[in-house]
Amino acid sequence: MSFTEYNENRCQKCQINIYDLETGRIEVVKKFDRVVEAPNWTEDGTCLVYNSYGTLYRLELETGKTEAIDTGIAVTCNNDHVLEPGGSGIAFSSGIEGDEDSRIFVKDGAGGEIKMVVSKPFSYLHGWSPDGKTLAFCAGRPYGDEMEWDVYTVPADGGEEVRLTDAPGLNDGPEYSKDGKHIWFNSVRTGLMQVWRMNADGSGQTQMTFSEDRNSWFPHISPDGTKVVYVAYHKGDLQPGEHLPDKNVEIRMIPAGGGEEKTLVKLFGGQGTMNVNSWAPDSRRFAYVSFEPEE
């Protein structure tokens, strides 16, 4: 499905929510009459950044005011965008006018230069190293007669990409731990989609979730490095390598060292709910999107 088809097929209402781990309460931040996706939480705690129909927006939490973010030639921004650690830049995945295939761009500060750092198509950004030097992304690359989907890294200012995974099936959603030593990701290599962790150089790939009835996607580690939340689909609702919208899903959590999987929220969502890290700076709250089923 193309970017245009994906958006044209999704017109239902949705809302951005905040979940509080200490109280278990869910706060509705803002309701929309259109689809919005994938909130990031800024490091100063004041704003969320999200995408909607190809445009990135900034939402002020105190006032509810929204404003579009200039992304230059990148006019089909998807739900893979991350904020610069310790800075004001933003990196994002998007196509350009006349070519919707996703590439990766970096914008240097609020009004700065916009640069395409990965020009190969089918590239989807998910992580930015804490030192600001490296981006981690999922990409489809042709090998022989097959398209293989793996985790890659690339210098944040552009350069040669490095392949970190080569397991069968889809490897996706790479995100750095806050100390930069690990990359969390999800992989279908064992049959169902599961959460994995590896060293930042690709070594030591270790399975971290072991659910037999759920497909687990997009692990996000908290700023204090102690816990990981992710989106889980029910087995049988879709193929293990699919992450579709408009499904009954759960947001689950595990300790960063591994351990028991706990369901925090049950919702109607999926693709777009929490594709990118949405933790608040206090590591107590996270943001996510839920959708309203169409009648």
C-alpha atoms as a PDB file:
ATOM      1  CA  MET A   1       0.000   0.000   0.000  1.00  0.00           C
ATOM      2  CA  SER A   2       1.384   3.396  -0.984  1.00  0.00           C
ATOM      3  CA  PHE A   3       1.648   6.345   1.393  1.00  0.00           C
ATOM      4  CA  THR A   4      -1.293   8.041  -0.334  1.00  0.00           C
ATOM      5  CA  GLU A   5      -3.471   4.922  -0.186  1.00  0.00           C
ATOM      6  CA  TYR A   6      -2.628   4.420   3.481  1.00  0.00           C
ATOM      7  CA  ASN A   7      -3.777   7.940   4.353  1.00  0.00           C
ATOM      8  CA  GLU A   8      -6.838   7.931   2.097  1.00  0.00           C
ATOM      9  CA  ASN A   9      -8.047   4.746   3.782  1.00  0.00           C
ATOM     10  CA  ARG A  10      -7.773   6.246   7.265  1.00  0.00           C
ATOM     11  CA  CYS A  11     -10.180   9.058   8.069  1.00  0.00           C
ATOM     12  CA  GLN A  12     -11.475   8.191  11.519  1.00  0.00           C
ATOM     13  CA  LYS A  13     -11.204  10.257  14.671  1.00  0.00           C
ATOM     14  CA  CYS A  14      -8.397   9.700  17.132  1.00  0.00           C
ATOM     15  CA  GLN A  15      -6.804  11.162  20.224  1.00  0.00           C
ATOM     16  CA  ILE A  16      -3.420  11.595  21.869  1.00  0.00           C
ATOM     17  CA  ASN A  17      -3.302  10.185  25.393  1.00  0.00           C
ATOM     18  CA  ILE A  18      -0.839  10.179  28.288  1.00  0.00           C
ATOM     19  CA  TYR A  19      -0.500   7.177  30.586  1.00  0.00           C
ATOM     20  CA  ASP A  20       0.809   7.684  34.139  1.00  0.00           C
ATOM     21  CA  LEU A  21       2.610   4.639  35.532  1.00  0.00           C
ATOM     22  CA  GLU A  22       2.279   5.710  39.167  1.00  0.00           C
ATOM     23  CA  THR A  23      -1.474   6.286  39.131  1.00  0.00           C
ATOM     24  CA  GLY A  24      -2.565   4.141  36.187  1.00  0.00           C
ATOM     25  CA  ARG A  25      -4.587   7.121  34.962  1.00  0.00           C
ATOM     26  CA  ILE A  26      -5.020   8.019  31.296  1.00  0.00           C
ATOM     27  CA  GLU A  27      -5.216  11.699  30.359  1.00  0.00           C
ATOM     28  CA  VAL A  28      -6.714  12.676  26.990  1.00  0.00           C
ATOM     29  CA  VAL A  29      -4.412  15.397  25.685  1.00  0.00           C
ATOM     30  CA  LYS A  30      -6.188  16.330  22.469  1.00  0.00           C
ATOM     31  CA  LYS A  31      -8.878  14.908  20.203  1.00  0.00           C
ATOM     32  CA  PHE A  32      -8.694  15.076  16.412  1.00  0.00           C
ATOM     33  CA  ASP A  33     -11.153  14.661  13.547  1.00  0.00           C
ATOM     34  CA  ARG A  34      -8.362  13.173  11.449  1.00  0.00           C
ATOM     35  CA  VAL A  35      -5.646  10.587  11.918  1.00  0.00           C
ATOM     36  CA  VAL A  36      -2.536  11.640  13.804  1.00  0.00           C
ATOM     37  CA  GLU A  37       0.285   9.279  14.720  1.00  0.00           C
ATOM     38  CA  ALA A  38       3.435   8.566  16.703  1.00  0.00           C
ATOM     39  CA  PRO A  39       4.018  11.265  19.335  1.00  0.00           C
ATOM     40  CA  ASN A  40       7.545  12.131  20.463  1.00  0.00           C
ATOM     41  CA  TRP A  41       7.937  13.919  23.814  1.00  0.00           C
ATOM     42  CA  THR A  42      10.433  16.782  23.820  1.00  0.00           C
ATOM     43  CA  GLU A  43      13.243  16.665  26.391  1.00  0.00           C
ATOM     44  CA  ASP A  44      12.058  19.870  28.063  1.00  0.00           C
ATOM     45  CA  GLY A  45       8.686  18.223  28.681  1.00  0.00           C
ATOM     46  CA  THR A  46       6.635  20.978  27.060  1.00  0.00           C
ATOM     47  CA  CYS A  47       5.625  19.557  23.670  1.00  0.00           C
ATOM     48  CA  LEU A  48       4.723  16.491  21.680  1.00  0.00           C
ATOM     49  CA  VAL A  49       5.729  16.065  18.030  1.00  0.00           C
ATOM     50  CA  TYR A  50       3.472  13.955  15.804  1.00  0.00           C
ATOM     51  CA  ASN A  51       2.678  13.372  12.129  1.00  0.00           C
ATOM     52  CA  SER A  52      -0.580  13.658  10.202  1.00  0.00           C
ATOM     53  CA  TYR A  53      -1.124  13.109   6.471  1.00  0.00           C
ATOM     54  CA  GLY A  54       2.486  13.764   5.535  1.00  0.00           C
ATOM     55  CA  THR A  55       3.177  16.748   7.791  1.00  0.00           C
ATOM     56  CA  LEU A  56       4.940  16.923  11.156  1.00  0.00           C
ATOM     57  CA  TYR A  57       3.389  19.029  13.927  1.00  0.00           C
ATOM     58  CA  ARG A  58       4.407  20.322  17.337  1.00  0.00           C
ATOM     59  CA  LEU A  59       1.749  20.344  20.081  1.00  0.00           C
ATOM     60  CA  GLU A  60       2.201  22.532  23.161  1.00  0.00           C
ATOM     61  CA  LEU A  61       0.932  20.550  26.138  1.00  0.00           C
ATOM     62  CA  GLU A  62       0.050  23.579  28.258  1.00  0.00           C
ATOM     63  CA  THR A  63      -1.972  25.455  25.648  1.00  0.00           C
ATOM     64  CA  GLY A  64      -3.026  22.740  23.182  1.00  0.00           C
ATOM     65  CA  LYS A  65      -1.684  24.901  20.363  1.00  0.00           C
ATOM     66  CA  THR A  66      -0.334  23.078  17.300  1.00  0.00           C
ATOM     67  CA  GLU A  67       1.985  24.280  14.560  1.00  0.00           C
ATOM     68  CA  ALA A  68       3.371  22.615  11.465  1.00  0.00           C
ATOM     69  CA  ILE A  69       7.096  21.871  11.241  1.00  0.00           C
ATOM     70  CA  ASP A  70       8.843  22.868   8.023  1.00  0.00           C
ATOM     71  CA  THR A  71      10.376  19.759   6.436  1.00  0.00           C
ATOM     72  CA  GLY A  72      11.359  21.249   3.084  1.00  0.00           C
ATOM     73  CA  ILE A  73      11.194  18.845   0.159  1.00  0.00           C
ATOM     74  CA  ALA A  74      10.104  16.019   2.485  1.00  0.00           C
ATOM     75  CA  VAL A  75       6.347  16.239   1.919  1.00  0.00           C
ATOM     76  CA  THR A  76       5.151  12.742   2.841  1.00  0.00           C
ATOM     77  CA  CYS A  77       6.487  12.416   6.386  1.00  0.00           C
ATOM     78  CA  ASN A  78       5.475   9.105   7.925  1.00  0.00           C
ATOM     79  CA  ASN A  79       5.320   7.981  11.545  1.00  0.00           C
ATOM     80  CA  ASP A  80       9.075   7.430  11.912  1.00  0.00           C
ATOM     81  CA  HIS A  81      10.610  10.589  13.406  1.00  0.00           C
ATOM     82  CA  VAL A  82      12.958  11.184  16.343  1.00  0.00           C
ATOM     83  CA  LEU A  83      14.257  14.231  18.204  1.00  0.00           C
ATOM     84  CA  GLU A  84      17.924  15.093  18.574  1.00  0.00           C
ATOM     85  CA  PRO A  85      19.268  14.051  21.985  1.00  0.00           C
ATOM     86  CA  GLY A  86      20.257  17.159  23.895  1.00  0.00           C
ATOM     87  CA  GLY A  87      19.555  19.410  20.909  1.00  0.00           C
ATOM     88  CA  SER A  88      16.823  21.065  18.864  1.00  0.00           C
ATOM     89  CA  GLY A  89      17.141  19.056  15.660  1.00  0.00           C
ATOM     90  CA  ILE A  90      14.757  16.454  14.314  1.00  0.00           C
ATOM     91  CA  ALA A  91      15.284  13.487  12.010  1.00  0.00           C
ATOM     92  CA  PHE A  92      12.452  11.924  10.051  1.00  0.00           C
ATOM     93  CA  SER A  93      11.474   9.519   7.295  1.00  0.00           C
ATOM     94  CA  SER A  94       9.641  10.808   4.245  1.00  0.00           C
ATOM     95  CA  GLY A  95       9.261  10.697   0.516  1.00  0.00           C
ATOM     96  CA  ILE A  96       9.477  13.732  -1.745  1.00  0.00           C
ATOM     97  CA  GLU A  97       7.007  15.150  -4.219  1.00  0.00           C
ATOM     98  CA  GLY A  98       6.533  12.640  -7.016  1.00  0.00           C
ATOM     99  CA  ASP A  99       8.331   9.856  -5.138  1.00  0.00           C
ATOM    100  CA  GLU A 100       6.678   8.554  -1.950  1.00  0.00           C
ATOM    101  CA  ASP A 101       9.368   5.958  -1.144  1.00  0.00           C
ATOM    102  CA  SER A 102      10.719   6.691   2.313  1.00  0.00           C
ATOM    103  CA  ARG A 103      14.199   8.178   2.769  1.00  0.00           C
ATOM    104  CA  ILE A 104      15.762   9.723   5.886  1.00  0.00           C
ATOM    105  CA  PHE A 105      16.267  13.434   6.537  1.00  0.00           C
ATOM    106  CA  VAL A 106      17.803  15.483   9.341  1.00  0.00           C
ATOM    107  CA  LYS A 107      16.806  19.052  10.169  1.00  0.00           C
ATOM    108  CA  ASP A 108      19.401  21.064  12.058  1.00  0.00           C
ATOM    109  CA  GLY A 109      17.449  22.983  14.693  1.00  0.00           C
ATOM    110  CA  ALA A 110      14.098  24.738  14.447  1.00  0.00           C
ATOM    111  CA  GLY A 111      14.923  26.800  11.388  1.00  0.00           C
ATOM    112  CA  GLY A 112      18.036  25.035  10.183  1.00  0.00           C
ATOM    113  CA  GLU A 113      19.179  23.184   7.103  1.00  0.00           C
ATOM    114  CA  ILE A 114      17.310  20.065   5.993  1.00  0.00           C
ATOM    115  CA  LYS A 115      19.552  17.315   4.644  1.00  0.00           C
ATOM    116  CA  MET A 116      18.774  13.915   3.137  1.00  0.00           C
ATOM    117  CA  VAL A 117      21.181  11.554   4.920  1.00  0.00           C
ATOM    118  CA  VAL A 118      19.884   8.235   3.512  1.00  0.00           C
ATOM    119  CA  SER A 119      18.927   8.506  -0.136  1.00  0.00           C
ATOM    120  CA  LYS A 120      18.151   4.834  -0.732  1.00  0.00           C
ATOM    121  CA  PRO A 121      14.395   4.130  -0.718  1.00  0.00           C
ATOM    122  CA  PHE A 122      12.563   1.956   1.820  1.00  0.00           C
ATOM    123  CA  SER A 123      14.431   3.474   4.776  1.00  0.00           C
ATOM    124  CA  TYR A 124      12.559   4.090   8.039  1.00  0.00           C
ATOM    125  CA  LEU A 125      14.186   5.946  10.919  1.00  0.00           C
ATOM    126  CA  HIS A 126      13.722   4.912  14.566  1.00  0.00           C
ATOM    127  CA  GLY A 127      16.728   5.838  16.696  1.00  0.00           C
ATOM    128  CA  TRP A 128      19.310   8.563  17.347  1.00  0.00           C
ATOM    129  CA  SER A 129      22.350   7.727  19.475  1.00  0.00           C
ATOM    130  CA  PRO A 130      22.700   9.696  22.736  1.00  0.00           C
ATOM    131  CA  ASP A 131      25.919  11.333  21.510  1.00  0.00           C
ATOM    132  CA  GLY A 132      24.079  12.617  18.432  1.00  0.00           C
ATOM    133  CA  LYS A 133      26.467  10.988  15.994  1.00  0.00           C
ATOM    134  CA  THR A 134      24.519   8.004  14.637  1.00  0.00           C
ATOM    135  CA  LEU A 135      21.044   7.154  13.371  1.00  0.00           C
ATOM    136  CA  ALA A 136      19.504   3.672  13.540  1.00  0.00           C
ATOM    137  CA  PHE A 137      16.874   2.621  11.014  1.00  0.00           C
ATOM    138  CA  CYS A 138      15.066  -0.249   9.353  1.00  0.00           C
ATOM    139  CA  ALA A 139      15.540  -0.660   5.619  1.00  0.00           C
ATOM    140  CA  GLY A 140      14.587  -2.965   2.804  1.00  0.00           C
ATOM    141  CA  ARG A 141      17.554  -3.756   0.577  1.00  0.00           C
ATOM    142  CA  PRO A 142      17.703  -6.159  -2.395  1.00  0.00           C
ATOM    143  CA  TYR A 143      19.920  -9.190  -1.928  1.00  0.00           C
ATOM    144  CA  GLY A 144      19.788 -11.444  -4.957  1.00  0.00           C
ATOM    145  CA  ASP A 145      16.151 -11.909  -5.909  1.00  0.00           C
ATOM    146  CA  GLU A 146      14.838 -11.031  -2.429  1.00  0.00           C
ATOM    147  CA  MET A 147      14.169  -7.855  -0.477  1.00  0.00           C
ATOM    148  CA  GLU A 148      15.607  -8.229   3.020  1.00  0.00           C
ATOM    149  CA  TRP A 149      14.505  -5.978   5.900  1.00  0.00           C
ATOM    150  CA  ASP A 150      17.190  -5.332   8.474  1.00  0.00           C
ATOM    151  CA  VAL A 151      18.521  -2.861  11.027  1.00  0.00           C
ATOM    152  CA  TYR A 152      21.166  -0.396   9.860  1.00  0.00           C
ATOM    153  CA  THR A 153      23.077   2.550  11.241  1.00  0.00           C
ATOM    154  CA  VAL A 154      24.416   5.616   9.463  1.00  0.00           C
ATOM    155  CA  PRO A 155      26.291   8.758  10.576  1.00  0.00           C
ATOM    156  CA  ALA A 156      23.789  11.495  11.435  1.00  0.00           C
ATOM    157  CA  ASP A 157      25.459  13.860   8.963  1.00  0.00           C
ATOM    158  CA  GLY A 158      25.388  11.250   6.191  1.00  0.00           C
ATOM    159  CA  GLY A 159      27.755   8.554   5.039  1.00  0.00           C
ATOM    160  CA  GLU A 160      27.999   4.810   4.571  1.00  0.00           C
ATOM    161  CA  GLU A 161      25.270   2.680   6.124  1.00  0.00           C
ATOM    162  CA  VAL A 162      26.196  -0.349   8.231  1.00  0.00           C
ATOM    163  CA  ARG A 163      24.019  -3.465   8.343  1.00  0.00           C
ATOM    164  CA  LEU A 164      23.582  -4.864  11.875  1.00  0.00           C
ATOM    165  CA  THR A 165      21.107  -7.742  11.409  1.00  0.00           C
ATOM    166  CA  ASP A 166      20.789 -10.483   8.817  1.00  0.00           C
ATOM    167  CA  ALA A 167      18.188 -12.767  10.384  1.00  0.00           C
ATOM    168  CA  PRO A 168      15.351 -14.103   8.189  1.00  0.00           C
ATOM    169  CA  GLY A 169      12.204 -11.999   7.981  1.00  0.00           C
ATOM    170  CA  LEU A 170      11.605  -8.489   9.237  1.00  0.00           C
ATOM    171  CA  ASN A 171      13.945  -6.750  11.704  1.00  0.00           C
ATOM    172  CA  ASP A 172      12.568  -3.323  12.605  1.00  0.00           C
ATOM    173  CA  GLY A 173      12.155  -0.504  15.125  1.00  0.00           C
ATOM    174  CA  PRO A 174      15.786   0.040  16.287  1.00  0.00           C
ATOM    175  CA  GLU A 175      16.172   2.438  19.205  1.00  0.00           C
ATOM    176  CA  TYR A 176      19.234   3.242  21.316  1.00  0.00           C
ATOM    177  CA  SER A 177      19.387   2.759  25.065  1.00  0.00           C
ATOM    178  CA  LYS A 178      20.074   5.974  26.932  1.00  0.00           C
ATOM    179  CA  ASP A 179      23.700   5.028  27.591  1.00  0.00           C
ATOM    180  CA  GLY A 180      24.232   4.236  23.905  1.00  0.00           C
ATOM    181  CA  LYS A 181      25.472   0.721  24.624  1.00  0.00           C
ATOM    182  CA  HIS A 182      22.483  -1.152  23.214  1.00  0.00           C
ATOM    183  CA  ILE A 183      19.954  -1.013  20.414  1.00  0.00           C
ATOM    184  CA  TRP A 184      16.480  -2.362  21.070  1.00  0.00           C
ATOM    185  CA  PHE A 185      14.498  -3.656  18.084  1.00  0.00           C
ATOM    186  CA  ASN A 186      11.831  -6.153  17.079  1.00  0.00           C
ATOM    187  CA  SER A 187      12.363  -9.248  14.962  1.00  0.00           C
ATOM    188  CA  VAL A 188      10.183 -12.015  13.547  1.00  0.00           C
ATOM    189  CA  ARG A 189      13.064 -14.504  13.353  1.00  0.00           C
ATOM    190  CA  THR A 190      11.534 -16.919  15.918  1.00  0.00           C
ATOM    191  CA  GLY A 191       8.082 -17.089  14.314  1.00  0.00           C
ATOM    192  CA  LEU A 192       6.161 -14.379  16.165  1.00  0.00           C
ATOM    193  CA  MET A 193       7.368 -10.782  16.336  1.00  0.00           C
ATOM    194  CA  GLN A 194       9.363 -10.345  19.544  1.00  0.00           C
ATOM    195  CA  VAL A 195      11.399  -7.615  21.236  1.00  0.00           C
ATOM    196  CA  TRP A 196      15.174  -8.022  20.996  1.00  0.00           C
ATOM    197  CA  ARG A 197      18.251  -6.165  22.210  1.00  0.00           C
ATOM    198  CA  MET A 198      21.772  -6.075  20.817  1.00  0.00           C
ATOM    199  CA  ASN A 199      25.020  -4.246  21.412  1.00  0.00           C
ATOM    200  CA  ALA A 200      25.331  -1.012  19.457  1.00  0.00           C
ATOM    201  CA  ASP A 201      27.734  -2.694  17.014  1.00  0.00           C
ATOM    202  CA  GLY A 202      25.209  -5.452  16.243  1.00  0.00           C
ATOM    203  CA  SER A 203      26.780  -8.158  18.386  1.00  0.00           C
ATOM    204  CA  GLY A 204      25.047 -10.021  21.210  1.00  0.00           C
ATOM    205  CA  GLN A 205      21.541 -10.144  19.718  1.00  0.00           C
ATOM    206  CA  THR A 206      19.273 -11.302  22.554  1.00  0.00           C
ATOM    207  CA  GLN A 207      15.555 -12.038  22.662  1.00  0.00           C
ATOM    208  CA  MET A 208      13.780 -10.042  25.415  1.00  0.00           C
ATOM    209  CA  THR A 209      10.090 -11.003  25.080  1.00  0.00           C
ATOM    210  CA  PHE A 210       8.740 -14.524  24.786  1.00  0.00           C
ATOM    211  CA  SER A 211       4.982 -14.202  24.358  1.00  0.00           C
ATOM    212  CA  GLU A 212       3.331 -17.159  22.639  1.00  0.00           C
ATOM    213  CA  ASP A 213       0.108 -15.311  21.795  1.00  0.00           C
ATOM    214  CA  ARG A 214       1.189 -11.772  20.865  1.00  0.00           C
ATOM    215  CA  ASN A 215       3.338 -10.034  18.268  1.00  0.00           C
ATOM    216  CA  SER A 216       5.450  -7.346  19.959  1.00  0.00           C
ATOM    217  CA  TRP A 217       6.538  -4.174  18.146  1.00  0.00           C
ATOM    218  CA  PHE A 218       8.542  -0.964  18.633  1.00  0.00           C
ATOM    219  CA  PRO A 219      10.292  -1.200  22.023  1.00  0.00           C
ATOM    220  CA  HIS A 220      10.868   2.182  23.699  1.00  0.00           C
ATOM    221  CA  ILE A 221      13.229   2.464  26.642  1.00  0.00           C
ATOM    222  CA  SER A 222      12.555   5.028  29.371  1.00  0.00           C
ATOM    223  CA  PRO A 223      14.931   7.967  29.932  1.00  0.00           C
ATOM    224  CA  ASP A 224      16.090   6.465  33.225  1.00  0.00           C
ATOM    225  CA  GLY A 225      16.944   3.228  31.424  1.00  0.00           C
ATOM    226  CA  THR A 226      14.866   0.972  33.656  1.00  0.00           C
ATOM    227  CA  LYS A 227      11.816  -0.081  31.609  1.00  0.00           C
ATOM    228  CA  VAL A 228      10.632  -0.686  28.074  1.00  0.00           C
ATOM    229  CA  VAL A 229       7.138  -0.242  26.633  1.00  0.00           C
ATOM    230  CA  TYR A 230       5.947  -1.611  23.297  1.00  0.00           C
ATOM    231  CA  VAL A 231       2.829  -2.322  21.228  1.00  0.00           C
ATOM    232  CA  ALA A 232       1.485  -5.891  21.138  1.00  0.00           C
ATOM    233  CA  TYR A 233      -0.925  -7.379  18.602  1.00  0.00           C
ATOM    234  CA  HIS A 234      -2.936 -10.509  19.322  1.00  0.00           C
ATOM    235  CA  LYS A 235      -1.728 -13.606  17.488  1.00  0.00           C
ATOM    236  CA  GLY A 236      -3.964 -14.373  14.516  1.00  0.00           C
ATOM    237  CA  ASP A 237      -5.163 -10.799  14.008  1.00  0.00           C
ATOM    238  CA  LEU A 238      -2.460 -10.278  11.370  1.00  0.00           C
ATOM    239  CA  GLN A 239       0.698 -11.882  10.057  1.00  0.00           C
ATOM    240  CA  PRO A 240       3.700 -11.662  12.433  1.00  0.00           C
ATOM    241  CA  GLY A 241       5.524  -9.321  10.054  1.00  0.00           C
ATOM    242  CA  GLU A 242       2.575  -6.927   9.701  1.00  0.00           C
ATOM    243  CA  HIS A 243       1.934  -3.841  11.843  1.00  0.00           C
ATOM    244  CA  LEU A 244      -1.475  -2.645  10.736  1.00  0.00           C
ATOM    245  CA  PRO A 245      -3.711   0.126  12.044  1.00  0.00           C
ATOM    246  CA  ASP A 246      -7.237  -0.342  13.385  1.00  0.00           C
ATOM    247  CA  LYS A 247      -6.618  -3.402  15.539  1.00  0.00           C
ATOM    248  CA  ASN A 248      -7.305  -4.247  19.163  1.00  0.00           C
ATOM    249  CA  VAL A 249      -3.829  -3.981  20.660  1.00  0.00           C
ATOM    250  CA  GLU A 250      -2.090  -3.575  24.000  1.00  0.00           C
ATOM    251  CA  ILE A 251       0.714  -1.422  25.326  1.00  0.00           C
ATOM    252  CA  ARG A 252       2.929  -3.701  27.386  1.00  0.00           C
ATOM    253  CA  MET A 253       6.013  -3.178  29.549  1.00  0.00           C
ATOM    254  CA  ILE A 254       9.039  -5.177  30.677  1.00  0.00           C
ATOM    255  CA  PRO A 255      12.021  -4.296  32.887  1.00  0.00           C
ATOM    256  CA  ALA A 256      15.008  -3.186  30.806  1.00  0.00           C
ATOM    257  CA  GLY A 257      16.946  -6.170  32.100  1.00  0.00           C
ATOM    258  CA  GLY A 258      14.241  -8.529  30.925  1.00  0.00           C
ATOM    259  CA  GLY A 259      11.473 -10.181  32.893  1.00  0.00           C
ATOM    260  CA  GLU A 260       7.709 -10.467  33.213  1.00  0.00           C
ATOM    261  CA  GLU A 261       5.597  -8.828  30.530  1.00  0.00           C
ATOM    262  CA  LYS A 262       2.822  -6.612  31.897  1.00  0.00           C
ATOM    263  CA  THR A 263      -0.148  -5.148  30.024  1.00  0.00           C
ATOM    264  CA  LEU A 264      -0.721  -1.451  30.801  1.00  0.00           C
ATOM    265  CA  VAL A 265      -3.346  -0.347  28.273  1.00  0.00           C
ATOM    266  CA  LYS A 266      -5.812  -2.083  25.962  1.00  0.00           C
ATOM    267  CA  LEU A 267      -6.893   0.050  23.015  1.00  0.00           C
ATOM    268  CA  PHE A 268      -7.960   0.260  19.371  1.00  0.00           C
ATOM    269  CA  GLY A 269      -4.860   1.255  17.453  1.00  0.00           C
ATOM    270  CA  GLY A 270      -1.698  -0.388  16.152  1.00  0.00           C
ATOM    271  CA  GLN A 271       0.268   1.273  13.385  1.00  0.00           C
ATOM    272  CA  GLY A 272       0.665   4.891  14.475  1.00  0.00           C
ATOM    273  CA  THR A 273      -0.055   4.295  18.160  1.00  0.00           C
ATOM    274  CA  MET A 274       3.536   4.419  19.362  1.00  0.00           C
ATOM    275  CA  ASN A 275       6.014   3.882  16.527  1.00  0.00           C
ATOM    276  CA  VAL A 276       8.653   6.124  18.110  1.00  0.00           C
ATOM    277  CA  ASN A 277       9.860   6.858  21.623  1.00  0.00           C
ATOM    278  CA  SER A 278       7.165   8.810  23.470  1.00  0.00           C
ATOM    279  CA  TRP A 279       8.421   8.754  27.070  1.00  0.00           C
ATOM    280  CA  ALA A 280       8.203  11.898  29.173  1.00  0.00           C
ATOM    281  CA  PRO A 281      11.513  13.122  30.649  1.00  0.00           C
ATOM    282  CA  ASP A 282      10.376  11.943  34.103  1.00  0.00           C
ATOM    283  CA  SER A 283      10.191   8.269  32.965  1.00  0.00           C
ATOM    284  CA  ARG A 284       6.802   8.124  34.678  1.00  0.00           C
ATOM    285  CA  ARG A 285       4.545   8.919  31.729  1.00  0.00           C
ATOM    286  CA  PHE A 286       4.357   8.152  28.019  1.00  0.00           C
ATOM    287  CA  ALA A 287       2.152   9.370  25.182  1.00  0.00           C
ATOM    288  CA  TYR A 288       0.303   7.284  22.622  1.00  0.00           C
ATOM    289  CA  VAL A 289      -2.477   7.517  20.027  1.00  0.00           C
ATOM    290  CA  SER A 290      -5.752   5.612  20.111  1.00  0.00           C
ATOM    291  CA  PHE A 291      -8.258   5.492  17.261  1.00  0.00           C
ATOM    292  CA  GLU A 292     -12.032   5.524  17.177  1.00  0.00           C
ATOM    293  CA  PRO A 293     -13.494   2.569  15.282  1.00  0.00           C
ATOM    294  CA  GLU A 294     -15.347   3.606  12.144  1.00  0.00           C
ATOM    295  CA  GLU A 295     -19.077   2.906  12.177  1.00  0.00           C
END
